[in-house]
Amino acid sequence: MVKISQEEILKLANLAQLKLSKEELTEFSSELSTILDYVSQLDKVDVEGLEPTYQVTGLKNVTRDDVKIDYEVDKDLLMSNLPDSQDGQIKVKRMIG
């Protein structure tokens, strides 16, 4: 059985910038130990001769070359669709207090 100490949990929590209570430390120590036990069982499975499965839906990774398309855009028409504009620019609500 893989056992994770509370000190190791604290180190992980610190790296993740989490603050854990004593109850959470005990709980996570137990849960992570259980998870690592399961993973160690998977490490023992004989996969000799099996091909890795990277994609199970049958979809193919299809890519294409980027193609530049020149569009003529009427700026006034675009600006007329905005909720608000000023001096030819998009006007938005203040974002920083």
PDB file of N, CA and C in Angstrom:
ATOM      1  N   MET A   1       0.837  -1.184   0.000  1.00  0.00           N
ATOM      2  CA  MET A   1       0.000   0.000   0.000  1.00  0.00           C
ATOM      3  C   MET A   1       0.881   1.247   0.000  1.00  0.00           C
ATOM      4  N   VAL A   2       0.557   2.175  -0.897  1.00  0.00           N
ATOM      5  CA  VAL A   2       1.281   3.444  -0.963  1.00  0.00           C
ATOM      6  C   VAL A   2       0.708   4.368   0.109  1.00  0.00           C
ATOM      7  N   LYS A   3       1.588   4.909   0.915  1.00  0.00           N
ATOM      8  CA  LYS A   3       1.138   5.787   2.000  1.00  0.00           C
ATOM      9  C   LYS A   3       1.715   7.177   1.774  1.00  0.00           C
ATOM     10  N   ILE A   4       0.843   8.162   1.771  1.00  0.00           N
ATOM     11  CA  ILE A   4       1.278   9.556   1.630  1.00  0.00           C
ATOM     12  C   ILE A   4       1.159  10.221   2.993  1.00  0.00           C
ATOM     13  N   SER A   5       2.239  10.825   3.420  1.00  0.00           N
ATOM     14  CA  SER A   5       2.231  11.465   4.738  1.00  0.00           C
ATOM     15  C   SER A   5       1.531  12.816   4.671  1.00  0.00           C
ATOM     16  N   GLN A   6       1.149  13.289   5.840  1.00  0.00           N
ATOM     17  CA  GLN A   6       0.515  14.605   5.906  1.00  0.00           C
ATOM     18  C   GLN A   6       1.501  15.708   5.525  1.00  0.00           C
ATOM     19  N   GLU A   7       2.786  15.466   5.753  1.00  0.00           N
ATOM     20  CA  GLU A   7       3.801  16.441   5.352  1.00  0.00           C
ATOM     21  C   GLU A   7       3.840  16.573   3.825  1.00  0.00           C
ATOM     22  N   GLU A   8       3.701  15.427   3.142  1.00  0.00           N
ATOM     23  CA  GLU A   8       3.673  15.469   1.682  1.00  0.00           C
ATOM     24  C   GLU A   8       2.413  16.168   1.171  1.00  0.00           C
ATOM     25  N   ILE A   9       1.297  15.946   1.842  1.00  0.00           N
ATOM     26  CA  ILE A   9       0.052  16.633   1.488  1.00  0.00           C
ATOM     27  C   ILE A   9       0.214  18.135   1.695  1.00  0.00           C
ATOM     28  N   LEU A  10       0.842  18.522   2.808  1.00  0.00           N
ATOM     29  CA  LEU A  10       1.085  19.946   3.062  1.00  0.00           C
ATOM     30  C   LEU A  10       1.966  20.562   1.987  1.00  0.00           C
ATOM     31  N   LYS A  11       2.983  19.818   1.544  1.00  0.00           N
ATOM     32  CA  LYS A  11       3.871  20.320   0.494  1.00  0.00           C
ATOM     33  C   LYS A  11       3.084  20.518  -0.808  1.00  0.00           C
ATOM     34  N   LEU A  12       2.243  19.535  -1.166  1.00  0.00           N
ATOM     35  CA  LEU A  12       1.407  19.665  -2.367  1.00  0.00           C
ATOM     36  C   LEU A  12       0.436  20.832  -2.235  1.00  0.00           C
ATOM     37  N   ALA A  13      -0.177  20.969  -1.064  1.00  0.00           N
ATOM     38  CA  ALA A  13      -1.124  22.059  -0.832  1.00  0.00           C
ATOM     39  C   ALA A  13      -0.419  23.409  -0.955  1.00  0.00           C
ATOM     40  N   ASN A  14       0.792  23.486  -0.434  1.00  0.00           N
ATOM     41  CA  ASN A  14       1.562  24.723  -0.535  1.00  0.00           C
ATOM     42  C   ASN A  14       1.866  25.050  -1.999  1.00  0.00           C
ATOM     43  N   LEU A  15       2.262  24.045  -2.781  1.00  0.00           N
ATOM     44  CA  LEU A  15       2.546  24.272  -4.196  1.00  0.00           C
ATOM     45  C   LEU A  15       1.296  24.732  -4.952  1.00  0.00           C
ATOM     46  N   ALA A  16       0.142  24.208  -4.542  1.00  0.00           N
ATOM     47  CA  ALA A  16      -1.122  24.571  -5.186  1.00  0.00           C
ATOM     48  C   ALA A  16      -1.760  25.798  -4.529  1.00  0.00           C
ATOM     49  N   GLN A  17      -1.068  26.369  -3.544  1.00  0.00           N
ATOM     50  CA  GLN A  17      -1.532  27.536  -2.806  1.00  0.00           C
ATOM     51  C   GLN A  17      -2.908  27.287  -2.178  1.00  0.00           C
ATOM     52  N   LEU A  18      -3.030  26.122  -1.534  1.00  0.00           N
ATOM     53  CA  LEU A  18      -4.254  25.751  -0.834  1.00  0.00           C
ATOM     54  C   LEU A  18      -4.002  25.766   0.662  1.00  0.00           C
ATOM     55  N   LYS A  19      -5.011  26.164   1.407  1.00  0.00           N
ATOM     56  CA  LYS A  19      -4.938  26.082   2.863  1.00  0.00           C
ATOM     57  C   LYS A  19      -5.873  24.956   3.283  1.00  0.00           C
ATOM     58  N   LEU A  20      -5.316  23.965   3.980  1.00  0.00           N
ATOM     59  CA  LEU A  20      -6.099  22.801   4.378  1.00  0.00           C
ATOM     60  C   LEU A  20      -6.209  22.719   5.892  1.00  0.00           C
ATOM     61  N   SER A  21      -7.380  22.292   6.350  1.00  0.00           N
ATOM     62  CA  SER A  21      -7.579  22.053   7.783  1.00  0.00           C
ATOM     63  C   SER A  21      -6.954  20.709   8.155  1.00  0.00           C
ATOM     64  N   LYS A  22      -6.865  20.421   9.442  1.00  0.00           N
ATOM     65  CA  LYS A  22      -6.313  19.136   9.890  1.00  0.00           C
ATOM     66  C   LYS A  22      -7.182  17.973   9.402  1.00  0.00           C
ATOM     67  N   GLU A  23      -8.498  18.192   9.386  1.00  0.00           N
ATOM     68  CA  GLU A  23      -9.407  17.150   8.900  1.00  0.00           C
ATOM     69  C   GLU A  23      -9.177  16.881   7.410  1.00  0.00           C
ATOM     70  N   GLU A  24      -8.977  17.960   6.649  1.00  0.00           N
ATOM     71  CA  GLU A  24      -8.730  17.806   5.216  1.00  0.00           C
ATOM     72  C   GLU A  24      -7.397  17.106   4.967  1.00  0.00           C
ATOM     73  N   LEU A  25      -6.391  17.406   5.774  1.00  0.00           N
ATOM     74  CA  LEU A  25      -5.098  16.736   5.635  1.00  0.00           C
ATOM     75  C   LEU A  25      -5.251  15.229   5.799  1.00  0.00           C
ATOM     76  N   THR A  26      -5.973  14.823   6.831  1.00  0.00           N
ATOM     77  CA  THR A  26      -6.193  13.404   7.075  1.00  0.00           C
ATOM     78  C   THR A  26      -6.987  12.778   5.928  1.00  0.00           C
ATOM     79  N   GLU A  27      -8.049  13.469   5.506  1.00  0.00           N
ATOM     80  CA  GLU A  27      -8.903  12.955   4.434  1.00  0.00           C
ATOM     81  C   GLU A  27      -8.132  12.819   3.123  1.00  0.00           C
ATOM     82  N   PHE A  28      -7.384  13.868   2.738  1.00  0.00           N
ATOM     83  CA  PHE A  28      -6.657  13.824   1.474  1.00  0.00           C
ATOM     84  C   PHE A  28      -5.515  12.816   1.508  1.00  0.00           C
ATOM     85  N   SER A  29      -4.890  12.658   2.658  1.00  0.00           N
ATOM     86  CA  SER A  29      -3.829  11.661   2.787  1.00  0.00           C
ATOM     87  C   SER A  29      -4.383  10.275   2.485  1.00  0.00           C
ATOM     88  N   SER A  30      -5.538   9.977   3.040  1.00  0.00           N
ATOM     89  CA  SER A  30      -6.174   8.679   2.805  1.00  0.00           C
ATOM     90  C   SER A  30      -6.624   8.532   1.352  1.00  0.00           C
ATOM     91  N   GLU A  31      -7.276   9.572   0.812  1.00  0.00           N
ATOM     92  CA  GLU A  31      -7.795   9.506  -0.561  1.00  0.00           C
ATOM     93  C   GLU A  31      -6.663   9.370  -1.586  1.00  0.00           C
ATOM     94  N   LEU A  32      -5.616  10.162  -1.419  1.00  0.00           N
ATOM     95  CA  LEU A  32      -4.505  10.089  -2.380  1.00  0.00           C
ATOM     96  C   LEU A  32      -3.771   8.756  -2.282  1.00  0.00           C
ATOM     97  N   SER A  33      -3.677   8.207  -1.090  1.00  0.00           N
ATOM     98  CA  SER A  33      -3.064   6.885  -0.928  1.00  0.00           C
ATOM     99  C   SER A  33      -3.879   5.837  -1.688  1.00  0.00           C
ATOM    100  N   THR A  34      -5.209   5.920  -1.587  1.00  0.00           N
ATOM    101  CA  THR A  34      -6.081   4.989  -2.299  1.00  0.00           C
ATOM    102  C   THR A  34      -5.913   5.127  -3.811  1.00  0.00           C
ATOM    103  N   ILE A  35      -5.843   6.356  -4.288  1.00  0.00           N
ATOM    104  CA  ILE A  35      -5.666   6.603  -5.733  1.00  0.00           C
ATOM    105  C   ILE A  35      -4.333   6.023  -6.204  1.00  0.00           C
ATOM    106  N   LEU A  36      -3.270   6.277  -5.452  1.00  0.00           N
ATOM    107  CA  LEU A  36      -1.954   5.760  -5.850  1.00  0.00           C
ATOM    108  C   LEU A  36      -1.895   4.241  -5.782  1.00  0.00           C
ATOM    109  N   ASP A  37      -2.623   3.625  -4.858  1.00  0.00           N
ATOM    110  CA  ASP A  37      -2.721   2.164  -4.822  1.00  0.00           C
ATOM    111  C   ASP A  37      -3.347   1.650  -6.116  1.00  0.00           C
ATOM    112  N   TYR A  38      -4.393   2.304  -6.564  1.00  0.00           N
ATOM    113  CA  TYR A  38      -5.062   1.900  -7.798  1.00  0.00           C
ATOM    114  C   TYR A  38      -4.116   2.047  -8.993  1.00  0.00           C
ATOM    115  N   VAL A  39      -3.398   3.158  -9.048  1.00  0.00           N
ATOM    116  CA  VAL A  39      -2.457   3.383 -10.140  1.00  0.00           C
ATOM    117  C   VAL A  39      -1.358   2.319 -10.119  1.00  0.00           C
ATOM    118  N   SER A  40      -0.889   1.944  -8.936  1.00  0.00           N
ATOM    119  CA  SER A  40       0.149   0.912  -8.864  1.00  0.00           C
ATOM    120  C   SER A  40      -0.384  -0.435  -9.357  1.00  0.00           C
ATOM    121  N   GLN A  41      -1.680  -0.703  -9.163  1.00  0.00           N
ATOM    122  CA  GLN A  41      -2.290  -1.921  -9.719  1.00  0.00           C
ATOM    123  C   GLN A  41      -2.271  -1.862 -11.248  1.00  0.00           C
ATOM    124  N   LEU A  42      -2.551  -0.689 -11.784  1.00  0.00           N
ATOM    125  CA  LEU A  42      -2.541  -0.542 -13.246  1.00  0.00           C
ATOM    126  C   LEU A  42      -1.140  -0.750 -13.813  1.00  0.00           C
ATOM    127  N   ASP A  43      -0.120  -0.351 -13.054  1.00  0.00           N
ATOM    128  CA  ASP A  43       1.259  -0.544 -13.508  1.00  0.00           C
ATOM    129  C   ASP A  43       1.612  -2.020 -13.649  1.00  0.00           C
ATOM    130  N   LYS A  44       0.916  -2.883 -12.927  1.00  0.00           N
ATOM    131  CA  LYS A  44       1.211  -4.321 -12.954  1.00  0.00           C
ATOM    132  C   LYS A  44       0.508  -5.062 -14.087  1.00  0.00           C
ATOM    133  N   VAL A  45      -0.419  -4.396 -14.782  1.00  0.00           N
ATOM    134  CA  VAL A  45      -1.175  -5.051 -15.849  1.00  0.00           C
ATOM    135  C   VAL A  45      -0.254  -5.323 -17.036  1.00  0.00           C
ATOM    136  N   ASP A  46      -0.347  -6.535 -17.592  1.00  0.00           N
ATOM    137  CA  ASP A  46       0.459  -6.919 -18.745  1.00  0.00           C
ATOM    138  C   ASP A  46      -0.165  -6.334 -20.012  1.00  0.00           C
ATOM    139  N   VAL A  47       0.534  -5.393 -20.627  1.00  0.00           N
ATOM    140  CA  VAL A  47       0.039  -4.758 -21.847  1.00  0.00           C
ATOM    141  C   VAL A  47       0.936  -5.097 -23.045  1.00  0.00           C
ATOM    142  N   GLU A  48       1.696  -6.132 -22.901  1.00  0.00           N
ATOM    143  CA  GLU A  48       2.594  -6.563 -23.971  1.00  0.00           C
ATOM    144  C   GLU A  48       1.804  -6.812 -25.253  1.00  0.00           C
ATOM    145  N   GLY A  49       2.223  -6.188 -26.332  1.00  0.00           N
ATOM    146  CA  GLY A  49       1.590  -6.400 -27.629  1.00  0.00           C
ATOM    147  C   GLY A  49       0.354  -5.548 -27.887  1.00  0.00           C
ATOM    148  N   LEU A  50      -0.073  -4.771 -26.920  1.00  0.00           N
ATOM    149  CA  LEU A  50      -1.234  -3.904 -27.125  1.00  0.00           C
ATOM    150  C   LEU A  50      -0.791  -2.547 -27.652  1.00  0.00           C
ATOM    151  N   GLU A  51      -1.571  -2.026 -28.597  1.00  0.00           N
ATOM    152  CA  GLU A  51      -1.271  -0.695 -29.116  1.00  0.00           C
ATOM    153  C   GLU A  51      -1.943   0.351 -28.235  1.00  0.00           C
ATOM    154  N   PRO A  52      -1.272   1.465 -27.999  1.00  0.00           N
ATOM    155  CA  PRO A  52      -1.881   2.522 -27.188  1.00  0.00           C
ATOM    156  C   PRO A  52      -3.141   3.075 -27.861  1.00  0.00           C
ATOM    157  N   THR A  53      -4.109   3.430 -27.051  1.00  0.00           N
ATOM    158  CA  THR A  53      -5.327   4.047 -27.560  1.00  0.00           C
ATOM    159  C   THR A  53      -5.274   5.528 -27.211  1.00  0.00           C
ATOM    160  N   TYR A  54      -5.118   6.339 -28.235  1.00  0.00           N
ATOM    161  CA  TYR A  54      -5.041   7.782 -28.012  1.00  0.00           C
ATOM    162  C   TYR A  54      -6.376   8.457 -28.273  1.00  0.00           C
ATOM    163  N   GLN A  55      -7.189   7.840 -29.101  1.00  0.00           N
ATOM    164  CA  GLN A  55      -8.430   8.456 -29.538  1.00  0.00           C
ATOM    165  C   GLN A  55      -9.460   7.349 -29.695  1.00  0.00           C
ATOM    166  N   VAL A  56     -10.580   7.437 -28.988  1.00  0.00           N
ATOM    167  CA  VAL A  56     -11.535   6.336 -28.992  1.00  0.00           C
ATOM    168  C   VAL A  56     -12.793   6.613 -29.811  1.00  0.00           C
ATOM    169  N   THR A  57     -12.947   7.834 -30.334  1.00  0.00           N
ATOM    170  CA  THR A  57     -14.175   8.147 -31.071  1.00  0.00           C
ATOM    171  C   THR A  57     -14.052   7.898 -32.559  1.00  0.00           C
ATOM    172  N   GLY A  58     -12.845   7.650 -33.045  1.00  0.00           N
ATOM    173  CA  GLY A  58     -12.656   7.417 -34.470  1.00  0.00           C
ATOM    174  C   GLY A  58     -12.430   8.685 -35.267  1.00  0.00           C
ATOM    175  N   LEU A  59     -12.431   9.831 -34.605  1.00  0.00           N
ATOM    176  CA  LEU A  59     -12.201  11.088 -35.317  1.00  0.00           C
ATOM    177  C   LEU A  59     -10.740  11.190 -35.719  1.00  0.00           C
ATOM    178  N   LYS A  60     -10.503  11.800 -36.831  1.00  0.00           N
ATOM    179  CA  LYS A  60      -9.144  12.014 -37.306  1.00  0.00           C
ATOM    180  C   LYS A  60      -8.751  13.463 -37.039  1.00  0.00           C
ATOM    181  N   ASN A  61      -7.481  13.687 -36.813  1.00  0.00           N
ATOM    182  CA  ASN A  61      -6.983  15.045 -36.652  1.00  0.00           C
ATOM    183  C   ASN A  61      -6.785  15.636 -38.040  1.00  0.00           C
ATOM    184  N   VAL A  62      -7.680  16.500 -38.440  1.00  0.00           N
ATOM    185  CA  VAL A  62      -7.640  17.073 -39.776  1.00  0.00           C
ATOM    186  C   VAL A  62      -7.144  18.507 -39.676  1.00  0.00           C
ATOM    187  N   THR A  63      -6.086  18.797 -40.423  1.00  0.00           N
ATOM    188  CA  THR A  63      -5.570  20.158 -40.440  1.00  0.00           C
ATOM    189  C   THR A  63      -5.547  20.663 -41.875  1.00  0.00           C
ATOM    190  N   ARG A  64      -5.504  21.949 -42.005  1.00  0.00           N
ATOM    191  CA  ARG A  64      -5.418  22.553 -43.330  1.00  0.00           C
ATOM    192  C   ARG A  64      -4.458  23.725 -43.245  1.00  0.00           C
ATOM    193  N   ASP A  65      -3.966  24.138 -44.382  1.00  0.00           N
ATOM    194  CA  ASP A  65      -3.104  25.304 -44.423  1.00  0.00           C
ATOM    195  C   ASP A  65      -3.933  26.562 -44.197  1.00  0.00           C
ATOM    196  N   ASP A  66      -3.346  27.523 -43.488  1.00  0.00           N
ATOM    197  CA  ASP A  66      -4.014  28.802 -43.318  1.00  0.00           C
ATOM    198  C   ASP A  66      -4.021  29.536 -44.650  1.00  0.00           C
ATOM    199  N   VAL A  67      -5.149  30.124 -44.956  1.00  0.00           N
ATOM    200  CA  VAL A  67      -5.284  30.863 -46.209  1.00  0.00           C
ATOM    201  C   VAL A  67      -5.762  32.262 -45.875  1.00  0.00           C
ATOM    202  N   LYS A  68      -5.042  33.262 -46.353  1.00  0.00           N
ATOM    203  CA  LYS A  68      -5.433  34.636 -46.117  1.00  0.00           C
ATOM    204  C   LYS A  68      -6.547  34.996 -47.093  1.00  0.00           C
ATOM    205  N   ILE A  69      -7.612  35.557 -46.545  1.00  0.00           N
ATOM    206  CA  ILE A  69      -8.728  35.990 -47.377  1.00  0.00           C
ATOM    207  C   ILE A  69      -8.902  37.481 -47.170  1.00  0.00           C
ATOM    208  N   ASP A  70      -8.845  38.239 -48.235  1.00  0.00           N
ATOM    209  CA  ASP A  70      -9.031  39.684 -48.137  1.00  0.00           C
ATOM    210  C   ASP A  70     -10.512  40.016 -48.262  1.00  0.00           C
ATOM    211  N   TYR A  71     -11.010  40.721 -47.279  1.00  0.00           N
ATOM    212  CA  TYR A  71     -12.399  41.167 -47.291  1.00  0.00           C
ATOM    213  C   TYR A  71     -12.425  42.686 -47.307  1.00  0.00           C
ATOM    214  N   GLU A  72     -13.335  43.215 -48.038  1.00  0.00           N
ATOM    215  CA  GLU A  72     -13.588  44.640 -47.970  1.00  0.00           C
ATOM    216  C   GLU A  72     -14.698  44.836 -46.954  1.00  0.00           C
ATOM    217  N   VAL A  73     -14.415  45.593 -45.920  1.00  0.00           N
ATOM    218  CA  VAL A  73     -15.378  45.794 -44.857  1.00  0.00           C
ATOM    219  C   VAL A  73     -15.721  47.273 -44.775  1.00  0.00           C
ATOM    220  N   ASP A  74     -16.998  47.552 -44.733  1.00  0.00           N
ATOM    221  CA  ASP A  74     -17.460  48.921 -44.584  1.00  0.00           C
ATOM    222  C   ASP A  74     -17.445  49.260 -43.096  1.00  0.00           C
ATOM    223  N   LYS A  75     -16.485  50.090 -42.701  1.00  0.00           N
ATOM    224  CA  LYS A  75     -16.303  50.421 -41.290  1.00  0.00           C
ATOM    225  C   LYS A  75     -17.568  51.061 -40.720  1.00  0.00           C
ATOM    226  N   ASP A  76     -18.205  51.951 -41.466  1.00  0.00           N
ATOM    227  CA  ASP A  76     -19.409  52.613 -40.959  1.00  0.00           C
ATOM    228  C   ASP A  76     -20.523  51.607 -40.698  1.00  0.00           C
ATOM    229  N   LEU A  77     -20.641  50.597 -41.566  1.00  0.00           N
ATOM    230  CA  LEU A  77     -21.659  49.565 -41.360  1.00  0.00           C
ATOM    231  C   LEU A  77     -21.361  48.776 -40.087  1.00  0.00           C
ATOM    232  N   LEU A  78     -20.094  48.419 -39.882  1.00  0.00           N
ATOM    233  CA  LEU A  78     -19.720  47.701 -38.660  1.00  0.00           C
ATOM    234  C   LEU A  78     -19.983  48.549 -37.421  1.00  0.00           C
ATOM    235  N   MET A  79     -19.607  49.808 -37.474  1.00  0.00           N
ATOM    236  CA  MET A  79     -19.784  50.682 -36.321  1.00  0.00           C
ATOM    237  C   MET A  79     -21.259  50.914 -36.012  1.00  0.00           C
ATOM    238  N   SER A  80     -22.096  50.848 -37.020  1.00  0.00           N
ATOM    239  CA  SER A  80     -23.528  51.064 -36.798  1.00  0.00           C
ATOM    240  C   SER A  80     -24.163  49.910 -36.017  1.00  0.00           C
ATOM    241  N   ASN A  81     -23.505  48.760 -35.976  1.00  0.00           N
ATOM    242  CA  ASN A  81     -24.027  47.599 -35.244  1.00  0.00           C
ATOM    243  C   ASN A  81     -23.591  47.567 -33.780  1.00  0.00           C
ATOM    244  N   LEU A  82     -22.750  48.513 -33.381  1.00  0.00           N
ATOM    245  CA  LEU A  82     -22.246  48.529 -32.009  1.00  0.00           C
ATOM    246  C   LEU A  82     -23.236  49.196 -31.069  1.00  0.00           C
ATOM    247  N   PRO A  83     -23.255  48.758 -29.823  1.00  0.00           N
ATOM    248  CA  PRO A  83     -24.123  49.431 -28.861  1.00  0.00           C
ATOM    249  C   PRO A  83     -23.692  50.878 -28.610  1.00  0.00           C
ATOM    250  N   ASP A  84     -22.366  51.132 -28.661  1.00  0.00           N
ATOM    251  CA  ASP A  84     -21.880  52.484 -28.415  1.00  0.00           C
ATOM    252  C   ASP A  84     -20.503  52.652 -29.049  1.00  0.00           C
ATOM    253  N   SER A  85     -20.252  53.824 -29.610  1.00  0.00           N
ATOM    254  CA  SER A  85     -18.944  54.131 -30.182  1.00  0.00           C
ATOM    255  C   SER A  85     -18.679  55.617 -29.998  1.00  0.00           C
ATOM    256  N   GLN A  86     -17.392  55.969 -30.105  1.00  0.00           N
ATOM    257  CA  GLN A  86     -16.999  57.369 -29.953  1.00  0.00           C
ATOM    258  C   GLN A  86     -15.747  57.606 -30.778  1.00  0.00           C
ATOM    259  N   ASP A  87     -15.774  58.595 -31.613  1.00  0.00           N
ATOM    260  CA  ASP A  87     -14.634  58.976 -32.456  1.00  0.00           C
ATOM    261  C   ASP A  87     -14.106  57.799 -33.267  1.00  0.00           C
ATOM    262  N   GLY A  88     -15.013  56.971 -33.791  1.00  0.00           N
ATOM    263  CA  GLY A  88     -14.622  55.855 -34.647  1.00  0.00           C
ATOM    264  C   GLY A  88     -14.055  54.660 -33.901  1.00  0.00           C
ATOM    265  N   GLN A  89     -14.222  54.635 -32.578  1.00  0.00           N
ATOM    266  CA  GLN A  89     -13.733  53.515 -31.784  1.00  0.00           C
ATOM    267  C   GLN A  89     -14.878  52.928 -30.976  1.00  0.00           C
ATOM    268  N   ILE A  90     -14.706  51.664 -30.614  1.00  0.00           N
ATOM    269  CA  ILE A  90     -15.731  50.969 -29.810  1.00  0.00           C
ATOM    270  C   ILE A  90     -15.653  51.505 -28.384  1.00  0.00           C
ATOM    271  N   LYS A  91     -16.792  51.904 -27.852  1.00  0.00           N
ATOM    272  CA  LYS A  91     -16.844  52.412 -26.491  1.00  0.00           C
ATOM    273  C   LYS A  91     -17.392  51.306 -25.597  1.00  0.00           C
ATOM    274  N   VAL A  92     -16.634  51.005 -24.531  1.00  0.00           N
ATOM    275  CA  VAL A  92     -17.035  49.956 -23.596  1.00  0.00           C
ATOM    276  C   VAL A  92     -17.108  50.538 -22.193  1.00  0.00           C
ATOM    277  N   LYS A  93     -17.767  49.790 -21.294  1.00  0.00           N
ATOM    278  CA  LYS A  93     -17.824  50.213 -19.909  1.00  0.00           C
ATOM    279  C   LYS A  93     -16.437  50.144 -19.291  1.00  0.00           C
ATOM    280  N   ARG A  94     -16.209  50.977 -18.314  1.00  0.00           N
ATOM    281  CA  ARG A  94     -14.930  50.993 -17.613  1.00  0.00           C
ATOM    282  C   ARG A  94     -14.681  49.619 -16.975  1.00  0.00           C
ATOM    283  N   MET A  95     -13.500  49.055 -17.188  1.00  0.00           N
ATOM    284  CA  MET A  95     -13.183  47.720 -16.705  1.00  0.00           C
ATOM    285  C   MET A  95     -12.464  47.737 -15.366  1.00  0.00           C
ATOM    286  N   ILE A  96     -11.708  48.775 -15.080  1.00  0.00           N
ATOM    287  CA  ILE A  96     -10.927  48.855 -13.858  1.00  0.00           C
ATOM    288  C   ILE A  96     -11.534  49.952 -12.988  1.00  0.00           C
ATOM    289  N   GLY A  97     -11.795  49.580 -11.725  1.00  0.00           N
ATOM    290  CA  GLY A  97     -12.450  50.494 -10.782  1.00  0.00           C
ATOM    291  C   GLY A  97     -11.651  51.690 -10.530  1.00  0.00           C
TER     292      GLY A  97
END
